[in-house]
Amino acid sequence: MLSYWRIGTQLAILMEESPARAIPEVLRLIGQSNDFHLPVEIYGVGHSTGSMYGVAAVLALLTGGSLLAACFIIATTALVGKTLLFRALASRLPEQRRVAALLVIVCLPSLVFWSAGLLKESLVIGPIGFAIYGLTCLDRGKRVRGLLILASVSMVLATFKAYLLFPLTIAAGAYWYARHSIDRTGRVRIRVAPLILSGVATISLLVVLGELFPRYSIDNFEEEANRLQIVGANVAGGSNYSLTEPSEARRLGAILFAPLALLTALFRPFLFEANSPLTLAAAIETTVGLLLSIRLLLIGRWSRLRDRILASPILILCLVFTVVAGIAIGLSTTNFGTLSRYRIPIMPFFGFLLVALQPLEASSLASTRSAIPEVLSRRPRARVP
């Protein structure tokens, strides 16, 4: 963040002194153009890192060089996106669950921390919330608003975290299919026409994204994951970890480690793996998620959990996005510090799953049982012939 800001303030000075020359160059830098002709040495021109320097320049110009004010703008934008995400996900949640859903979507400590700085993850938290809100707008018939929102946020995500477009596309396809395949009993069933339409649309979008971003395409995903594992193994770090030996991953294929990668993305570092205050804070949060997951599996039956998920397109969307993005993130990093930052986009969805699927508390069940005799004892109204 400090590197982005240091270079960004230099660019902001040039934008003030020579706006006709510098502003177009900064805009091209944000747009990841390889043509950059300003007397400032920048690493990552033509990539998302270069875009971050351009964003830092714009924020430095708007705030008069105040990094605190720039972080406030970013945090506020992320807060708006998280609030829209809460509205989209929790609209049909029981009233007694909405406070917990609000906490995990908006107030989760790691989310607050990593969405309040001049970082790539901070810049995509808000757009992800806008994207899910735009998807629900399409579902409610507000097509123009939904399409405009989705188009705008897709450009932002493509600039800073293009790989997130792939799991979002798969999750949106699963959501659309679920919305059009629910029968009268409220469960998702296999229906040929919606399955074909959603499958063709999802695959077509994935092919287009693969052409636009070949590094993250399905064909190159395994090779890219192996490369990142090898790079991570060769870089020393205080919080490094490894799913397996890089040679073993290359021989067996990184995708075979997908279940382990998903568990790593969601539940690590463990408490005994923490070796710094920041890692300890992340470990406490993941431990809470692990305990809630274990409680959910012990108390809830598999069939009941399956039925609840299949009865809710929103839960299907959250599950698909969490699994697909979690596997990709788990396979792409070998350091707990970067892992804590990379998994931030999936944490609201995973947290919402845990809240929505937790069984009702005993007190709620007791009050429900006590209300049943009262309802049954009421005299029925006379029917009008």
Protein backbone atom coordinates (compact mmCIF):
# COMPACT_ATOMS: atom_id res chain seq x y z
CA MET A 1 0.00 0.00 0.00
CA LEU A 2 2.78 2.41 0.87
CA SER A 3 4.49 1.62 -2.42
CA TYR A 4 1.30 2.37 -4.35
CA TRP A 5 0.86 5.61 -2.46
CA ARG A 6 4.44 6.80 -2.85
CA ILE A 7 4.36 6.42 -6.63
CA GLY A 8 0.75 7.64 -6.78
CA THR A 9 1.60 10.93 -5.10
CA GLN A 10 4.36 11.49 -7.67
CA LEU A 11 1.89 10.91 -10.47
CA ALA A 12 -0.62 13.22 -8.78
CA ILE A 13 1.95 16.04 -8.76
CA LEU A 14 2.46 15.56 -12.49
CA MET A 15 -1.32 15.58 -13.00
CA GLU A 16 -1.51 18.93 -11.21
CA GLU A 17 1.45 20.48 -13.03
CA SER A 18 0.63 19.15 -16.52
CA PRO A 19 -2.95 17.82 -16.60
CA ALA A 20 -3.24 17.68 -20.40
CA ARG A 21 -0.25 15.37 -20.60
CA ALA A 22 -0.38 13.39 -17.34
CA ILE A 23 -4.11 12.65 -16.90
CA PRO A 24 -4.44 10.65 -20.15
CA GLU A 25 -1.30 8.69 -19.26
CA VAL A 26 -2.66 7.84 -15.80
CA LEU A 27 -5.96 6.73 -17.32
CA ARG A 28 -4.08 4.48 -19.74
CA LEU A 29 -2.12 3.12 -16.79
CA ILE A 30 -5.37 2.23 -15.01
CA GLY A 31 -6.68 0.65 -18.22
CA GLN A 32 -3.55 -1.55 -18.34
CA SER A 33 -2.17 -0.11 -21.54
CA ASN A 34 1.48 -0.85 -22.23
CA ASP A 35 2.00 2.70 -23.54
CA PHE A 36 3.12 4.83 -20.62
CA HIS A 37 5.27 7.91 -21.11
CA LEU A 38 5.71 9.75 -17.82
CA PRO A 39 9.08 10.24 -16.03
CA VAL A 40 8.14 7.90 -13.16
CA GLU A 41 9.45 4.37 -12.84
CA ILE A 42 6.49 2.03 -12.36
CA TYR A 43 6.49 -1.73 -11.90
CA GLY A 44 3.66 -3.68 -13.51
CA VAL A 45 2.67 -1.45 -16.42
CA GLY A 46 0.02 -3.29 -18.40
CA HIS A 47 -1.09 -5.34 -15.39
CA SER A 48 -3.28 -4.91 -12.31
CA THR A 49 -0.29 -3.72 -10.28
CA GLY A 50 0.17 -0.80 -12.66
CA SER A 51 -3.55 -0.06 -12.37
CA MET A 52 -3.15 0.25 -8.61
CA TYR A 53 -0.54 2.99 -9.06
CA GLY A 54 -3.00 4.84 -11.31
CA VAL A 55 -5.80 4.52 -8.76
CA ALA A 56 -3.44 5.77 -6.05
CA ALA A 57 -2.64 8.80 -8.24
CA VAL A 58 -6.33 9.65 -8.69
CA LEU A 59 -7.01 9.28 -4.96
CA ALA A 60 -3.95 11.35 -4.07
CA LEU A 61 -5.18 14.09 -6.41
CA LEU A 62 -8.72 14.02 -4.94
CA THR A 63 -7.63 13.94 -1.30
CA GLY A 64 -4.74 16.37 -1.48
CA GLY A 65 -2.23 13.67 -0.67
CA SER A 66 -3.96 12.25 2.42
CA LEU A 67 -3.58 8.47 2.60
CA LEU A 68 -6.08 8.35 5.50
CA ALA A 69 -8.72 10.10 3.39
CA ALA A 70 -8.00 7.76 0.47
CA CYS A 71 -8.47 4.71 2.70
CA PHE A 72 -11.70 6.22 4.02
CA ILE A 73 -13.06 6.52 0.47
CA ILE A 74 -12.12 2.90 -0.27
CA ALA A 75 -13.62 1.64 3.00
CA THR A 76 -16.86 3.56 2.40
CA THR A 77 -17.21 2.12 -1.10
CA ALA A 78 -16.61 -1.37 0.27
CA LEU A 79 -19.19 -0.77 3.01
CA VAL A 80 -21.82 0.21 0.44
CA GLY A 81 -21.07 -2.95 -1.56
CA LYS A 82 -21.21 -5.16 1.54
CA THR A 83 -24.52 -3.59 2.53
CA LEU A 84 -25.99 -4.32 -0.91
CA LEU A 85 -24.66 -7.86 -0.63
CA PHE A 86 -26.45 -8.23 2.71
CA ARG A 87 -29.70 -6.98 1.17
CA ALA A 88 -29.36 -9.42 -1.73
CA LEU A 89 -28.48 -12.48 0.37
CA ALA A 90 -30.55 -11.95 3.50
CA SER A 91 -33.79 -10.71 1.95
CA ARG A 92 -35.54 -14.05 2.59
CA LEU A 93 -33.68 -14.99 5.74
CA PRO A 94 -35.73 -15.40 8.95
CA GLU A 95 -35.74 -12.29 11.09
CA GLN A 96 -33.81 -13.93 13.95
CA ARG A 97 -30.92 -14.74 11.61
CA ARG A 98 -30.49 -11.33 10.00
CA VAL A 99 -28.36 -9.80 12.75
CA ALA A 100 -25.88 -12.68 12.52
CA ALA A 101 -25.91 -12.40 8.71
CA LEU A 102 -25.23 -8.68 8.98
CA LEU A 103 -22.24 -9.36 11.23
CA VAL A 104 -20.59 -11.92 8.93
CA ILE A 105 -21.24 -9.95 5.73
CA VAL A 106 -20.54 -6.40 6.88
CA CYS A 107 -18.71 -6.52 10.23
CA LEU A 108 -16.43 -9.56 10.02
CA PRO A 109 -13.06 -8.35 11.43
CA SER A 110 -10.98 -9.62 8.50
CA LEU A 111 -13.40 -8.03 6.03
CA VAL A 112 -13.26 -4.68 7.82
CA PHE A 113 -9.46 -4.83 7.95
CA TRP A 114 -8.75 -5.89 4.38
CA SER A 115 -11.41 -3.68 2.80
CA ALA A 116 -10.06 -0.45 4.30
CA GLY A 117 -6.74 0.00 2.51
CA LEU A 118 -5.21 0.81 -0.83
CA LEU A 119 -5.09 -2.83 -1.93
CA LYS A 120 -6.55 -4.85 -4.78
CA GLU A 121 -8.75 -6.87 -2.43
CA SER A 122 -10.15 -3.67 -0.92
CA LEU A 123 -11.11 -2.40 -4.36
CA VAL A 124 -13.06 -5.56 -5.31
CA ILE A 125 -15.08 -6.12 -2.13
CA GLY A 126 -17.54 -3.39 -3.07
CA PRO A 127 -17.93 -4.47 -6.72
CA ILE A 128 -18.65 -8.07 -5.66
CA GLY A 129 -21.53 -6.83 -3.52
CA PHE A 130 -22.78 -4.70 -6.41
CA ALA A 131 -22.52 -7.70 -8.75
CA ILE A 132 -24.75 -9.92 -6.58
CA TYR A 133 -27.17 -7.04 -6.13
CA GLY A 134 -27.26 -6.53 -9.91
CA LEU A 135 -27.96 -10.24 -10.36
CA THR A 136 -30.93 -10.04 -8.01
CA CYS A 137 -32.15 -6.93 -9.87
CA LEU A 138 -32.29 -9.02 -13.05
CA ASP A 139 -34.23 -11.65 -11.11
CA ARG A 140 -36.79 -9.04 -10.00
CA GLY A 141 -37.34 -7.80 -13.54
CA LYS A 142 -35.18 -4.66 -13.29
CA ARG A 143 -33.13 -5.66 -16.31
CA VAL A 144 -31.68 -2.29 -17.33
CA ARG A 145 -30.45 -1.53 -13.81
CA GLY A 146 -29.12 -5.04 -13.34
CA LEU A 147 -27.26 -5.11 -16.66
CA LEU A 148 -25.71 -1.68 -16.08
CA ILE A 149 -24.51 -2.71 -12.62
CA LEU A 150 -23.10 -6.02 -13.84
CA ALA A 151 -21.32 -4.39 -16.79
CA SER A 152 -19.76 -1.70 -14.60
CA VAL A 153 -18.53 -3.98 -11.83
CA SER A 154 -17.25 -6.55 -14.34
CA MET A 155 -14.88 -3.91 -15.70
CA VAL A 156 -13.60 -3.16 -12.19
CA LEU A 157 -13.12 -6.84 -11.36
CA ALA A 158 -11.44 -7.46 -14.72
CA THR A 159 -8.97 -4.67 -13.92
CA PHE A 160 -7.92 -5.73 -10.43
CA LYS A 161 -8.96 -9.37 -9.83
CA ALA A 162 -9.92 -10.93 -13.14
CA TYR A 163 -9.87 -14.48 -11.81
CA LEU A 164 -12.91 -13.74 -9.62
CA LEU A 165 -15.02 -13.38 -12.75
CA PHE A 166 -14.75 -17.14 -13.36
CA PRO A 167 -16.30 -18.37 -10.06
CA LEU A 168 -18.82 -15.52 -10.16
CA THR A 169 -19.93 -16.63 -13.63
CA ILE A 170 -20.30 -20.26 -12.54
CA ALA A 171 -22.21 -19.23 -9.41
CA ALA A 172 -24.50 -16.92 -11.40
CA GLY A 173 -25.25 -19.75 -13.84
CA ALA A 174 -26.12 -22.08 -10.96
CA TYR A 175 -28.33 -19.38 -9.42
CA TRP A 176 -30.21 -18.79 -12.68
CA TYR A 177 -30.78 -22.50 -13.17
CA ALA A 178 -32.03 -22.89 -9.60
CA ARG A 179 -34.43 -19.97 -9.96
CA HIS A 180 -36.01 -21.58 -13.02
CA SER A 181 -36.03 -25.17 -11.79
CA ILE A 182 -37.89 -25.02 -8.46
CA ASP A 183 -41.02 -27.16 -8.39
CA ARG A 184 -44.18 -26.71 -6.34
CA THR A 185 -42.59 -28.31 -3.29
CA GLY A 186 -39.89 -25.62 -3.26
CA ARG A 187 -36.97 -27.81 -4.28
CA VAL A 188 -34.67 -27.55 -7.27
CA ARG A 189 -35.29 -30.33 -9.76
CA ILE A 190 -33.53 -31.38 -12.95
CA ARG A 191 -35.22 -29.66 -15.87
CA VAL A 192 -33.81 -30.02 -19.33
CA ALA A 193 -34.54 -26.62 -20.86
CA PRO A 194 -33.16 -24.46 -17.99
CA LEU A 195 -30.19 -26.83 -17.66
CA ILE A 196 -29.28 -26.47 -21.34
CA LEU A 197 -29.78 -22.69 -21.37
CA SER A 198 -27.81 -22.03 -18.19
CA GLY A 199 -25.09 -24.51 -19.22
CA VAL A 200 -24.62 -23.00 -22.67
CA ALA A 201 -24.63 -19.43 -21.32
CA THR A 202 -22.17 -20.23 -18.52
CA ILE A 203 -19.77 -22.16 -20.74
CA SER A 204 -19.91 -19.44 -23.41
CA LEU A 205 -19.05 -16.75 -20.85
CA LEU A 206 -16.22 -18.88 -19.46
CA VAL A 207 -14.81 -19.32 -22.97
CA VAL A 208 -14.96 -15.56 -23.57
CA LEU A 209 -13.28 -14.88 -20.22
CA GLY A 210 -10.63 -17.47 -21.06
CA GLU A 211 -9.86 -15.65 -24.29
CA LEU A 212 -9.71 -12.27 -22.54
CA PHE A 213 -7.67 -13.60 -19.61
CA PRO A 214 -5.81 -16.70 -20.84
CA ARG A 215 -3.75 -16.87 -17.66
CA TYR A 216 -6.87 -17.82 -15.69
CA SER A 217 -8.62 -19.93 -18.33
CA ILE A 218 -9.75 -23.45 -17.47
CA ASP A 219 -7.15 -24.95 -19.81
CA ASN A 220 -4.28 -23.08 -18.13
CA PHE A 221 -5.54 -23.18 -14.54
CA GLU A 222 -3.64 -26.29 -13.45
CA GLU A 223 -0.39 -25.11 -15.01
CA GLU A 224 -0.75 -21.69 -13.40
CA ALA A 225 -1.47 -23.26 -10.00
CA ASN A 226 1.63 -25.45 -10.28
CA ARG A 227 3.72 -22.43 -11.23
CA LEU A 228 2.49 -20.44 -8.24
CA GLN A 229 3.21 -23.35 -5.91
CA ILE A 230 6.77 -23.57 -7.22
CA VAL A 231 7.26 -19.80 -6.91
CA GLY A 232 5.92 -19.85 -3.36
CA ALA A 233 8.20 -22.73 -2.39
CA ASN A 234 11.24 -20.78 -3.60
CA VAL A 235 10.37 -17.57 -1.76
CA ALA A 236 11.20 -17.50 1.94
CA GLY A 237 8.54 -16.23 4.30
CA GLY A 238 7.67 -16.43 7.97
CA SER A 239 4.17 -17.79 7.29
CA ASN A 240 4.82 -20.09 4.36
CA TYR A 241 3.00 -23.38 4.01
CA SER A 242 2.74 -26.06 1.33
CA LEU A 243 -0.08 -28.40 0.33
CA THR A 244 2.50 -30.82 -1.08
CA GLU A 245 5.89 -30.86 -2.74
CA PRO A 246 5.83 -28.87 -6.03
CA SER A 247 7.23 -31.87 -7.91
CA GLU A 248 4.46 -34.06 -6.49
CA ALA A 249 1.83 -31.51 -7.48
CA ARG A 250 3.19 -31.37 -11.01
CA ARG A 251 3.26 -35.17 -11.28
CA LEU A 252 -0.21 -35.82 -9.88
CA GLY A 253 -1.88 -32.64 -11.04
CA ALA A 254 -2.78 -29.71 -8.79
CA ILE A 255 -6.51 -30.30 -9.24
CA LEU A 256 -6.25 -33.57 -7.26
CA PHE A 257 -5.46 -31.45 -4.21
CA ALA A 258 -8.70 -29.45 -4.64
CA PRO A 259 -10.40 -30.71 -1.41
CA LEU A 260 -7.29 -29.93 0.64
CA ALA A 261 -7.00 -26.55 -1.06
CA LEU A 262 -10.63 -25.72 -0.19
CA LEU A 263 -10.14 -26.69 3.46
CA THR A 264 -6.95 -24.61 3.55
CA ALA A 265 -8.65 -21.56 2.08
CA LEU A 266 -11.53 -21.72 4.55
CA PHE A 267 -9.97 -22.94 7.81
CA ARG A 268 -6.24 -22.20 7.89
CA PRO A 269 -4.13 -21.01 9.59
CA PHE A 270 -4.89 -23.11 12.65
CA LEU A 271 -4.16 -21.66 16.06
CA PHE A 272 -0.92 -23.62 16.43
CA GLU A 273 0.27 -22.30 13.04
CA ALA A 274 0.06 -18.64 14.05
CA ASN A 275 3.46 -16.97 14.42
CA SER A 276 2.50 -13.28 14.35
CA PRO A 277 -0.33 -11.09 15.72
CA LEU A 278 -1.94 -10.76 12.28
CA THR A 279 -1.78 -14.49 11.65
CA LEU A 280 -3.19 -15.13 15.14
CA ALA A 281 -6.15 -12.85 14.43
CA ALA A 282 -6.81 -14.76 11.20
CA ALA A 283 -6.45 -18.09 13.03
CA ILE A 284 -9.03 -17.09 15.64
CA GLU A 285 -11.51 -16.22 12.91
CA THR A 286 -10.92 -19.41 10.93
CA THR A 287 -11.19 -21.47 14.12
CA VAL A 288 -14.62 -20.00 14.82
CA GLY A 289 -15.64 -20.90 11.26
CA LEU A 290 -14.28 -24.41 11.71
CA LEU A 291 -16.19 -24.94 14.98
CA LEU A 292 -19.43 -23.67 13.43
CA SER A 293 -18.91 -25.98 10.46
CA ILE A 294 -18.31 -28.97 12.74
CA ARG A 295 -21.41 -28.07 14.77
CA LEU A 296 -23.44 -27.83 11.58
CA LEU A 297 -22.29 -31.26 10.41
CA LEU A 298 -22.86 -32.88 13.83
CA ILE A 299 -26.30 -31.42 14.54
CA GLY A 300 -27.75 -31.17 11.06
CA ARG A 301 -28.43 -34.21 8.93
CA TRP A 302 -26.92 -34.43 5.47
CA SER A 303 -30.33 -34.90 3.90
CA ARG A 304 -31.74 -31.91 5.76
CA LEU A 305 -28.80 -29.68 4.81
CA ARG A 306 -29.11 -30.81 1.19
CA ASP A 307 -32.84 -30.05 1.13
CA ARG A 308 -32.34 -26.59 2.62
CA ILE A 309 -29.67 -25.74 0.07
CA LEU A 310 -31.69 -27.08 -2.86
CA ALA A 311 -34.68 -25.03 -1.71
CA SER A 312 -32.76 -21.74 -1.92
CA PRO A 313 -31.10 -20.37 -5.10
CA ILE A 314 -29.23 -17.88 -2.89
CA LEU A 315 -27.66 -20.68 -0.85
CA ILE A 316 -26.76 -22.49 -4.08
CA LEU A 317 -25.04 -19.34 -5.35
CA CYS A 318 -23.10 -18.95 -2.08
CA LEU A 319 -22.08 -22.61 -2.02
CA VAL A 320 -20.88 -22.70 -5.64
CA PHE A 321 -18.93 -19.45 -5.36
CA THR A 322 -17.34 -20.50 -2.06
CA VAL A 323 -16.25 -23.91 -3.38
CA VAL A 324 -14.96 -22.77 -6.78
CA ALA A 325 -13.19 -19.63 -5.57
CA GLY A 326 -11.92 -21.39 -2.44
CA ILE A 327 -10.25 -24.15 -4.47
CA ALA A 328 -8.64 -21.61 -6.81
CA ILE A 329 -7.35 -19.49 -3.92
CA GLY A 330 -6.11 -22.49 -1.95
CA LEU A 331 -4.12 -23.73 -4.91
CA SER A 332 -2.66 -20.33 -5.75
CA THR A 333 -0.84 -19.28 -2.61
CA THR A 334 1.69 -20.71 -0.20
CA ASN A 335 1.70 -18.03 2.50
CA PHE A 336 -0.83 -17.49 5.31
CA GLY A 337 -0.51 -13.73 5.02
CA THR A 338 -1.51 -13.64 1.37
CA LEU A 339 -4.07 -16.40 1.99
CA SER A 340 -5.84 -14.26 4.60
CA ARG A 341 -6.01 -11.45 2.06
CA TYR A 342 -6.92 -13.50 -1.01
CA ARG A 343 -9.85 -15.31 0.62
CA ILE A 344 -11.62 -12.11 1.67
CA PRO A 345 -14.04 -12.15 -1.33
CA ILE A 346 -15.41 -15.57 -0.35
CA MET A 347 -15.78 -14.95 3.40
CA PRO A 348 -19.19 -13.15 3.24
CA PHE A 349 -20.62 -16.03 1.20
CA PHE A 350 -19.16 -18.72 3.43
CA GLY A 351 -20.22 -16.89 6.58
CA PHE A 352 -23.74 -16.47 5.24
CA LEU A 353 -23.90 -20.21 4.52
CA LEU A 354 -22.94 -20.98 8.11
CA VAL A 355 -25.53 -18.58 9.49
CA ALA A 356 -28.36 -19.65 7.18
CA LEU A 357 -27.82 -23.38 7.66
CA GLN A 358 -27.36 -23.42 11.43
CA PRO A 359 -30.29 -25.18 13.17
CA LEU A 360 -32.69 -23.13 15.24
CA GLU A 361 -31.76 -22.63 18.86
CA ALA A 362 -33.44 -24.74 21.50
CA SER A 363 -35.31 -21.74 22.86
CA SER A 364 -36.81 -20.99 19.47
CA LEU A 365 -37.80 -24.63 19.03
CA ALA A 366 -39.39 -24.67 22.48
CA SER A 367 -41.42 -21.55 21.79
CA THR A 368 -42.55 -23.05 18.51
CA ARG A 369 -43.66 -26.26 20.23
CA SER A 370 -45.52 -24.31 22.92
CA ALA A 371 -47.39 -22.37 20.26
CA ILE A 372 -48.62 -25.49 18.46
CA PRO A 373 -51.26 -26.53 21.07
CA GLU A 374 -52.57 -22.96 21.20
CA VAL A 375 -53.02 -22.86 17.44
CA LEU A 376 -54.67 -26.30 17.39
CA SER A 377 -57.07 -25.33 20.17
CA ARG A 378 -58.45 -22.32 18.32
CA ARG A 379 -61.98 -22.76 17.08
CA PRO A 380 -62.25 -22.67 13.28
CA ARG A 381 -64.16 -19.86 11.68
CA ALA A 382 -67.63 -20.62 10.35
CA ARG A 383 -67.67 -21.13 6.63
CA VAL A 384 -70.01 -19.09 4.48
CA PRO A 385 -72.19 -21.43 2.41
